[in-house]
Amino acid sequence: HRPAALNSYSKLYSSPTDVDAPAAVEEEDAFEGDDDAIIQIKPSAMARLVELKSKRDADPKSTVDPSSPLILRMGVRNGGCSGLSYVMDFSTADEIEEEDEIDNYEKEGIQCVVDAKSLLYLYGMELDFSDELIGGGFKFFNPNAEESCGCGSSFTV
């Protein structure tokens, strides 16, 4: 038998997954990645991108048409503690170049754009998302990287 104080404590400090697990699983299961995509977006990362798009679309100050996709530009640049670092930012349709590769996720309203120079380094990479308090955020898992730094945002090939 647990003392009443412990029951109150566990209700206050239960993890979010204890409370929302069924809804979170259903949301993540709804997205199935594209095996032919340049970057494999995991369900948790797609859920976060869809959430960011919803926030953008709901922002009364936004000048972006809500029916337009959220464009995520991913690439690689020199730098970081391992030699190359990942670059990830939002973009616009006007900034997409002819030689860019685009993965379309029409149902989710997301486009992932990779420039031609970065394609060699990013092909097959997995993009995941973690909401952990320490070390949370988007995570990169790159099969092309020979070494990665401890923070996970730079690598060598």
N, C-alpha and C. Protein backbone atom coordinates (compact mmCIF):
# COMPACT_ATOMS: atom_id res chain seq x y z
N HIS A 1 0.84 -1.18 0.00
CA HIS A 1 0.00 0.00 0.00
C HIS A 1 0.88 1.24 0.00
N ARG A 2 0.62 2.20 -0.93
CA ARG A 2 1.40 3.44 -1.00
C ARG A 2 0.76 4.50 -0.12
N PRO A 3 1.57 5.26 0.59
CA PRO A 3 1.03 6.39 1.35
C PRO A 3 0.41 7.40 0.40
N ALA A 4 -0.64 8.10 0.86
CA ALA A 4 -1.35 9.08 0.04
C ALA A 4 -0.42 10.15 -0.50
N ALA A 5 0.57 10.56 0.30
CA ALA A 5 1.51 11.59 -0.13
C ALA A 5 2.27 11.15 -1.38
N LEU A 6 2.63 9.88 -1.46
CA LEU A 6 3.35 9.38 -2.63
C LEU A 6 2.45 9.38 -3.86
N ASN A 7 1.18 9.04 -3.69
CA ASN A 7 0.26 9.08 -4.83
C ASN A 7 0.15 10.50 -5.38
N SER A 8 0.05 11.50 -4.51
CA SER A 8 -0.02 12.90 -4.95
C SER A 8 1.27 13.29 -5.65
N TYR A 9 2.39 12.87 -5.09
CA TYR A 9 3.69 13.19 -5.68
C TYR A 9 3.79 12.63 -7.10
N SER A 10 3.40 11.37 -7.28
CA SER A 10 3.54 10.76 -8.61
C SER A 10 2.59 11.39 -9.61
N LYS A 11 1.43 11.90 -9.16
CA LYS A 11 0.52 12.59 -10.09
C LYS A 11 1.12 13.92 -10.53
N LEU A 12 1.78 14.62 -9.59
CA LEU A 12 2.38 15.91 -9.93
C LEU A 12 3.59 15.77 -10.83
N TYR A 13 4.35 14.73 -10.62
CA TYR A 13 5.63 14.60 -11.32
C TYR A 13 5.67 13.45 -12.30
N SER A 14 4.52 13.04 -12.79
CA SER A 14 4.53 11.99 -13.80
C SER A 14 5.04 12.59 -15.10
N SER A 15 5.62 11.75 -15.93
CA SER A 15 6.16 12.25 -17.19
C SER A 15 5.01 12.53 -18.16
N PRO A 16 5.22 13.44 -19.11
CA PRO A 16 4.16 13.76 -20.08
C PRO A 16 3.71 12.53 -20.85
N THR A 17 4.60 11.55 -21.06
CA THR A 17 4.20 10.37 -21.81
C THR A 17 3.22 9.53 -21.02
N ASP A 18 3.24 9.62 -19.68
CA ASP A 18 2.27 8.89 -18.89
C ASP A 18 0.87 9.42 -19.14
N VAL A 19 0.76 10.71 -19.34
CA VAL A 19 -0.54 11.36 -19.49
C VAL A 19 -1.03 11.29 -20.93
N ASP A 20 -0.15 11.60 -21.90
CA ASP A 20 -0.57 11.75 -23.28
C ASP A 20 -0.11 10.64 -24.21
N ALA A 21 0.33 9.54 -23.71
CA ALA A 21 0.92 8.50 -24.55
C ALA A 21 0.00 8.06 -25.68
N PRO A 22 -1.27 7.74 -25.46
CA PRO A 22 -2.08 7.27 -26.58
C PRO A 22 -2.20 8.30 -27.69
N ALA A 23 -2.42 9.57 -27.37
CA ALA A 23 -2.55 10.60 -28.41
C ALA A 23 -1.25 10.77 -29.17
N ALA A 24 -0.12 10.78 -28.45
CA ALA A 24 1.17 10.97 -29.10
C ALA A 24 1.47 9.82 -30.05
N VAL A 25 1.16 8.60 -29.65
CA VAL A 25 1.42 7.45 -30.50
C VAL A 25 0.56 7.52 -31.75
N GLU A 26 -0.73 7.88 -31.59
CA GLU A 26 -1.60 7.97 -32.76
C GLU A 26 -1.09 9.03 -33.73
N GLU A 27 -0.66 10.17 -33.22
CA GLU A 27 -0.17 11.26 -34.08
C GLU A 27 1.07 10.82 -34.85
N GLU A 28 2.01 10.17 -34.15
CA GLU A 28 3.23 9.74 -34.81
C GLU A 28 2.97 8.61 -35.78
N ASP A 29 2.03 7.71 -35.46
CA ASP A 29 1.73 6.60 -36.35
C ASP A 29 1.07 7.06 -37.64
N ALA A 30 0.44 8.23 -37.61
CA ALA A 30 -0.26 8.74 -38.78
C ALA A 30 0.73 9.07 -39.90
N PHE A 31 1.97 9.42 -39.57
CA PHE A 31 2.97 9.76 -40.58
C PHE A 31 3.82 8.54 -40.89
N GLU A 32 3.90 8.23 -42.16
CA GLU A 32 4.80 7.17 -42.60
C GLU A 32 5.82 7.80 -43.52
N GLY A 33 7.09 7.66 -43.20
CA GLY A 33 8.15 8.26 -43.99
C GLY A 33 8.20 7.71 -45.40
N ASP A 34 8.93 8.42 -46.24
CA ASP A 34 9.10 8.05 -47.63
C ASP A 34 10.47 7.39 -47.78
N ASP A 35 10.48 6.12 -48.17
CA ASP A 35 11.75 5.39 -48.30
C ASP A 35 12.66 5.99 -49.37
N ASP A 36 12.09 6.72 -50.34
CA ASP A 36 12.88 7.31 -51.41
C ASP A 36 13.35 8.72 -51.09
N ALA A 37 13.01 9.21 -49.92
CA ALA A 37 13.37 10.58 -49.55
C ALA A 37 14.87 10.71 -49.34
N ILE A 38 15.37 11.90 -49.59
CA ILE A 38 16.79 12.19 -49.38
C ILE A 38 17.11 12.09 -47.90
N ILE A 39 16.28 12.74 -47.09
CA ILE A 39 16.43 12.71 -45.64
C ILE A 39 15.21 12.00 -45.07
N GLN A 40 15.47 10.99 -44.27
CA GLN A 40 14.38 10.23 -43.66
C GLN A 40 13.89 10.99 -42.43
N ILE A 41 12.69 11.53 -42.51
CA ILE A 41 12.13 12.28 -41.39
C ILE A 41 11.33 11.31 -40.53
N LYS A 42 11.74 11.19 -39.29
CA LYS A 42 11.07 10.30 -38.34
C LYS A 42 9.74 10.91 -37.90
N PRO A 43 8.80 10.08 -37.45
CA PRO A 43 7.49 10.59 -37.05
C PRO A 43 7.53 11.70 -36.01
N SER A 44 8.42 11.61 -35.02
CA SER A 44 8.48 12.67 -34.00
C SER A 44 8.98 13.99 -34.59
N ALA A 45 9.90 13.91 -35.55
CA ALA A 45 10.38 15.14 -36.21
C ALA A 45 9.29 15.73 -37.09
N MET A 46 8.55 14.89 -37.80
CA MET A 46 7.47 15.39 -38.64
C MET A 46 6.38 16.01 -37.78
N ALA A 47 6.07 15.39 -36.65
CA ALA A 47 5.06 15.95 -35.75
C ALA A 47 5.49 17.35 -35.29
N ARG A 48 6.76 17.53 -34.99
CA ARG A 48 7.26 18.85 -34.56
C ARG A 48 7.19 19.85 -35.71
N LEU A 49 7.54 19.43 -36.92
CA LEU A 49 7.47 20.32 -38.08
C LEU A 49 6.02 20.74 -38.36
N VAL A 50 5.09 19.80 -38.25
CA VAL A 50 3.67 20.12 -38.44
C VAL A 50 3.21 21.10 -37.37
N GLU A 51 3.69 20.91 -36.15
CA GLU A 51 3.36 21.84 -35.05
C GLU A 51 3.89 23.25 -35.36
N LEU A 52 5.12 23.33 -35.86
CA LEU A 52 5.71 24.63 -36.21
C LEU A 52 4.93 25.29 -37.36
N LYS A 53 4.50 24.48 -38.33
CA LYS A 53 3.69 25.02 -39.43
C LYS A 53 2.37 25.55 -38.90
N SER A 54 1.74 24.83 -37.99
CA SER A 54 0.47 25.28 -37.41
C SER A 54 0.64 26.60 -36.68
N LYS A 55 1.75 26.74 -35.96
CA LYS A 55 2.01 28.00 -35.25
C LYS A 55 2.23 29.14 -36.24
N ARG A 56 2.97 28.84 -37.31
CA ARG A 56 3.20 29.87 -38.34
C ARG A 56 1.88 30.29 -38.96
N ASP A 57 1.04 29.32 -39.29
CA ASP A 57 -0.23 29.60 -39.96
C ASP A 57 -1.20 30.35 -39.06
N ALA A 58 -1.11 30.13 -37.74
CA ALA A 58 -2.02 30.77 -36.80
C ALA A 58 -1.55 32.16 -36.38
N ASP A 59 -0.31 32.50 -36.69
CA ASP A 59 0.26 33.78 -36.28
C ASP A 59 -0.38 34.91 -37.09
N PRO A 60 -1.10 35.83 -36.42
CA PRO A 60 -1.75 36.92 -37.16
C PRO A 60 -0.76 37.87 -37.84
N LYS A 61 0.48 37.88 -37.37
CA LYS A 61 1.51 38.75 -37.97
C LYS A 61 2.17 38.12 -39.19
N SER A 62 1.93 36.84 -39.41
CA SER A 62 2.56 36.14 -40.52
C SER A 62 2.02 36.63 -41.86
N THR A 63 2.93 36.82 -42.80
CA THR A 63 2.54 37.24 -44.14
C THR A 63 2.50 36.05 -45.11
N VAL A 64 2.73 34.85 -44.58
CA VAL A 64 2.78 33.65 -45.40
C VAL A 64 1.36 33.08 -45.57
N ASP A 65 1.05 32.67 -46.77
CA ASP A 65 -0.24 32.04 -47.06
C ASP A 65 -0.31 30.71 -46.30
N PRO A 66 -1.33 30.51 -45.46
CA PRO A 66 -1.43 29.26 -44.68
C PRO A 66 -1.51 28.00 -45.54
N SER A 67 -1.93 28.14 -46.79
CA SER A 67 -2.00 26.95 -47.65
C SER A 67 -0.63 26.59 -48.24
N SER A 68 0.35 27.49 -48.09
CA SER A 68 1.69 27.19 -48.61
C SER A 68 2.42 26.25 -47.65
N PRO A 69 3.30 25.42 -48.20
CA PRO A 69 4.02 24.47 -47.34
C PRO A 69 5.05 25.17 -46.46
N LEU A 70 5.38 24.52 -45.37
CA LEU A 70 6.52 24.94 -44.55
C LEU A 70 7.74 24.35 -45.25
N ILE A 71 8.67 25.20 -45.64
CA ILE A 71 9.85 24.74 -46.38
C ILE A 71 11.04 24.69 -45.44
N LEU A 72 11.54 23.49 -45.25
CA LEU A 72 12.70 23.25 -44.39
C LEU A 72 13.91 23.05 -45.28
N ARG A 73 14.88 23.95 -45.19
CA ARG A 73 16.11 23.82 -45.97
C ARG A 73 17.17 23.21 -45.09
N MET A 74 17.76 22.12 -45.59
CA MET A 74 18.82 21.44 -44.86
C MET A 74 20.07 21.41 -45.71
N GLY A 75 21.21 21.54 -45.05
CA GLY A 75 22.47 21.53 -45.78
C GLY A 75 23.64 21.29 -44.85
N VAL A 76 24.81 21.48 -45.42
CA VAL A 76 26.06 21.27 -44.70
C VAL A 76 26.96 22.46 -45.00
N ARG A 77 27.70 22.89 -44.00
CA ARG A 77 28.70 23.95 -44.24
C ARG A 77 29.97 23.58 -43.48
N ASN A 78 31.07 24.17 -43.90
CA ASN A 78 32.34 23.95 -43.21
C ASN A 78 32.25 24.57 -41.82
N GLY A 79 32.81 23.87 -40.85
CA GLY A 79 32.82 24.39 -39.49
C GLY A 79 32.37 23.34 -38.51
N GLY A 80 32.24 23.76 -37.28
CA GLY A 80 31.87 22.82 -36.22
C GLY A 80 33.09 22.11 -35.70
N CYS A 81 32.93 21.41 -34.61
CA CYS A 81 34.09 20.79 -33.96
C CYS A 81 34.58 19.54 -34.70
N SER A 82 33.81 19.03 -35.67
CA SER A 82 34.25 17.84 -36.41
C SER A 82 34.55 18.11 -37.88
N GLY A 83 34.46 19.35 -38.31
CA GLY A 83 34.82 19.69 -39.68
C GLY A 83 33.67 20.18 -40.53
N LEU A 84 32.52 19.52 -40.46
CA LEU A 84 31.32 19.93 -41.20
C LEU A 84 30.18 20.05 -40.20
N SER A 85 29.31 21.02 -40.41
CA SER A 85 28.17 21.15 -39.50
C SER A 85 26.87 21.19 -40.30
N TYR A 86 25.82 20.71 -39.66
CA TYR A 86 24.50 20.71 -40.27
C TYR A 86 23.90 22.11 -40.22
N VAL A 87 23.17 22.44 -41.28
CA VAL A 87 22.46 23.70 -41.34
C VAL A 87 20.99 23.33 -41.58
N MET A 88 20.12 23.92 -40.79
CA MET A 88 18.69 23.67 -40.94
C MET A 88 17.97 24.97 -40.66
N ASP A 89 17.16 25.40 -41.63
CA ASP A 89 16.46 26.67 -41.48
C ASP A 89 15.18 26.63 -42.32
N PHE A 90 14.30 27.57 -42.06
CA PHE A 90 13.11 27.70 -42.88
C PHE A 90 13.45 28.54 -44.10
N SER A 91 12.76 28.26 -45.19
CA SER A 91 13.04 28.93 -46.45
C SER A 91 11.72 29.34 -47.09
N THR A 92 11.82 29.95 -48.27
CA THR A 92 10.63 30.32 -49.04
C THR A 92 10.73 29.68 -50.42
N ALA A 93 9.61 29.63 -51.10
CA ALA A 93 9.58 29.06 -52.45
C ALA A 93 10.49 29.84 -53.39
N ASP A 94 10.60 31.15 -53.18
CA ASP A 94 11.46 31.99 -54.03
C ASP A 94 12.94 31.64 -53.89
N GLU A 95 13.32 31.06 -52.75
CA GLU A 95 14.73 30.74 -52.50
C GLU A 95 15.12 29.35 -53.00
N ILE A 96 14.18 28.57 -53.51
CA ILE A 96 14.49 27.23 -54.03
C ILE A 96 15.15 27.40 -55.39
N GLU A 97 16.31 26.77 -55.54
CA GLU A 97 17.08 26.86 -56.78
C GLU A 97 16.81 25.64 -57.66
N GLU A 98 17.11 25.76 -58.93
CA GLU A 98 16.83 24.70 -59.89
C GLU A 98 17.54 23.39 -59.54
N GLU A 99 18.77 23.49 -59.02
CA GLU A 99 19.53 22.27 -58.72
C GLU A 99 19.23 21.69 -57.34
N ASP A 100 18.38 22.33 -56.56
CA ASP A 100 17.99 21.80 -55.25
C ASP A 100 17.15 20.54 -55.41
N GLU A 101 17.30 19.63 -54.48
CA GLU A 101 16.46 18.43 -54.41
C GLU A 101 15.36 18.70 -53.40
N ILE A 102 14.13 18.30 -53.74
CA ILE A 102 12.98 18.59 -52.87
C ILE A 102 12.22 17.31 -52.57
N ASP A 103 11.98 17.07 -51.29
CA ASP A 103 11.07 16.01 -50.85
C ASP A 103 9.78 16.69 -50.43
N ASN A 104 8.67 16.29 -51.05
CA ASN A 104 7.37 16.87 -50.74
C ASN A 104 6.58 15.95 -49.82
N TYR A 105 6.04 16.51 -48.78
CA TYR A 105 5.13 15.81 -47.87
C TYR A 105 3.82 16.59 -47.92
N GLU A 106 3.06 16.37 -48.99
CA GLU A 106 1.87 17.18 -49.26
C GLU A 106 0.83 17.08 -48.15
N LYS A 107 0.60 15.87 -47.66
CA LYS A 107 -0.42 15.68 -46.62
C LYS A 107 -0.11 16.52 -45.38
N GLU A 108 1.17 16.61 -45.03
CA GLU A 108 1.59 17.34 -43.85
C GLU A 108 1.84 18.83 -44.13
N GLY A 109 1.96 19.19 -45.41
CA GLY A 109 2.24 20.58 -45.77
C GLY A 109 3.69 20.97 -45.53
N ILE A 110 4.59 20.01 -45.72
CA ILE A 110 6.02 20.23 -45.46
C ILE A 110 6.81 19.91 -46.73
N GLN A 111 7.83 20.72 -47.02
CA GLN A 111 8.80 20.42 -48.06
C GLN A 111 10.18 20.44 -47.42
N CYS A 112 11.01 19.47 -47.79
CA CYS A 112 12.39 19.42 -47.32
C CYS A 112 13.28 19.65 -48.54
N VAL A 113 14.10 20.70 -48.48
CA VAL A 113 14.94 21.11 -49.61
C VAL A 113 16.41 20.93 -49.23
N VAL A 114 17.17 20.31 -50.14
CA VAL A 114 18.60 20.09 -49.92
C VAL A 114 19.34 20.61 -51.15
N ASP A 115 20.35 21.44 -50.91
CA ASP A 115 21.14 21.95 -52.04
C ASP A 115 22.03 20.85 -52.61
N ALA A 116 22.42 21.00 -53.87
CA ALA A 116 23.17 19.97 -54.58
C ALA A 116 24.50 19.63 -53.90
N LYS A 117 25.20 20.63 -53.35
CA LYS A 117 26.49 20.38 -52.72
C LYS A 117 26.35 19.55 -51.45
N SER A 118 25.26 19.73 -50.74
CA SER A 118 25.05 19.01 -49.47
C SER A 118 24.48 17.61 -49.68
N LEU A 119 23.93 17.36 -50.85
CA LEU A 119 23.25 16.09 -51.12
C LEU A 119 24.14 14.89 -50.83
N LEU A 120 25.39 14.96 -51.26
CA LEU A 120 26.33 13.86 -51.05
C LEU A 120 26.49 13.51 -49.57
N TYR A 121 26.48 14.52 -48.72
CA TYR A 121 26.70 14.33 -47.29
C TYR A 121 25.43 13.94 -46.53
N LEU A 122 24.27 14.34 -47.07
CA LEU A 122 23.02 14.17 -46.32
C LEU A 122 22.15 13.02 -46.79
N TYR A 123 22.44 12.45 -47.95
CA TYR A 123 21.57 11.39 -48.47
C TYR A 123 21.50 10.22 -47.50
N GLY A 124 20.30 9.87 -47.11
CA GLY A 124 20.09 8.75 -46.19
C GLY A 124 20.09 9.13 -44.71
N MET A 125 20.34 10.40 -44.43
CA MET A 125 20.35 10.85 -43.04
C MET A 125 18.94 10.77 -42.44
N GLU A 126 18.87 10.51 -41.14
CA GLU A 126 17.60 10.49 -40.43
C GLU A 126 17.50 11.75 -39.57
N LEU A 127 16.35 12.40 -39.65
CA LEU A 127 16.06 13.56 -38.82
C LEU A 127 15.03 13.13 -37.79
N ASP A 128 15.38 13.27 -36.53
CA ASP A 128 14.49 12.89 -35.44
C ASP A 128 14.30 14.10 -34.54
N PHE A 129 13.39 13.99 -33.59
CA PHE A 129 13.15 15.07 -32.64
C PHE A 129 12.94 14.48 -31.26
N SER A 130 13.53 15.16 -30.29
CA SER A 130 13.38 14.75 -28.89
C SER A 130 12.96 15.98 -28.09
N ASP A 131 12.01 15.78 -27.18
CA ASP A 131 11.59 16.89 -26.33
C ASP A 131 12.18 16.78 -24.93
N GLU A 132 13.31 16.09 -24.83
CA GLU A 132 13.99 15.97 -23.55
C GLU A 132 14.43 17.35 -23.07
N LEU A 133 14.43 17.54 -21.76
CA LEU A 133 14.80 18.82 -21.19
C LEU A 133 16.25 19.17 -21.49
N ILE A 134 17.13 18.20 -21.36
CA ILE A 134 18.55 18.40 -21.66
C ILE A 134 18.87 17.61 -22.91
N GLY A 135 19.38 18.29 -23.91
CA GLY A 135 19.76 17.63 -25.16
C GLY A 135 18.60 17.41 -26.11
N GLY A 136 17.48 18.06 -25.87
CA GLY A 136 16.32 17.91 -26.74
C GLY A 136 16.47 18.74 -28.01
N GLY A 137 15.55 18.56 -28.92
CA GLY A 137 15.56 19.28 -30.19
C GLY A 137 15.67 18.31 -31.35
N PHE A 138 15.96 18.85 -32.52
CA PHE A 138 16.14 18.00 -33.69
C PHE A 138 17.47 17.27 -33.57
N LYS A 139 17.45 16.00 -33.98
CA LYS A 139 18.64 15.14 -33.91
C LYS A 139 18.96 14.62 -35.30
N PHE A 140 20.24 14.56 -35.61
CA PHE A 140 20.71 14.10 -36.91
C PHE A 140 21.42 12.76 -36.74
N PHE A 141 21.00 11.76 -37.53
CA PHE A 141 21.66 10.47 -37.55
C PHE A 141 22.10 10.23 -38.98
N ASN A 142 23.41 10.37 -39.22
CA ASN A 142 23.94 10.37 -40.57
C ASN A 142 24.79 9.13 -40.84
N PRO A 143 24.32 8.25 -41.73
CA PRO A 143 25.11 7.04 -42.04
C PRO A 143 26.39 7.35 -42.82
N ASN A 144 26.50 8.55 -43.38
CA ASN A 144 27.68 8.94 -44.15
C ASN A 144 28.81 9.48 -43.27
N ALA A 145 28.50 9.78 -42.03
CA ALA A 145 29.49 10.38 -41.13
C ALA A 145 30.40 9.29 -40.55
N GLU A 146 31.70 9.54 -40.64
CA GLU A 146 32.66 8.63 -40.02
C GLU A 146 32.78 8.92 -38.54
N GLU A 147 32.68 10.20 -38.18
CA GLU A 147 32.73 10.62 -36.79
C GLU A 147 31.73 11.75 -36.60
N SER A 148 31.16 11.82 -35.40
CA SER A 148 30.27 12.92 -35.03
C SER A 148 30.77 13.50 -33.71
N CYS A 149 30.48 14.75 -33.51
CA CYS A 149 30.88 15.36 -32.24
C CYS A 149 29.87 15.00 -31.16
N GLY A 150 30.17 15.31 -29.93
CA GLY A 150 29.30 14.98 -28.82
C GLY A 150 27.96 15.66 -28.87
N CYS A 151 27.90 16.87 -29.43
CA CYS A 151 26.62 17.59 -29.49
C CYS A 151 25.75 17.09 -30.63
N GLY A 152 26.34 16.37 -31.59
CA GLY A 152 25.57 15.81 -32.69
C GLY A 152 25.26 16.77 -33.82
N SER A 153 25.83 17.98 -33.79
CA SER A 153 25.53 18.92 -34.85
C SER A 153 26.67 19.11 -35.85
N SER A 154 27.76 18.36 -35.68
CA SER A 154 28.82 18.40 -36.69
C SER A 154 29.39 16.99 -36.87
N PHE A 155 30.11 16.79 -37.99
CA PHE A 155 30.59 15.46 -38.33
C PHE A 155 31.75 15.54 -39.31
N THR A 156 32.40 14.39 -39.53
CA THR A 156 33.42 14.26 -40.57
C THR A 156 33.07 13.08 -41.45
N VAL A 157 33.54 13.14 -42.70
CA VAL A 157 33.31 12.03 -43.62
C VAL A 157 34.64 11.47 -44.09
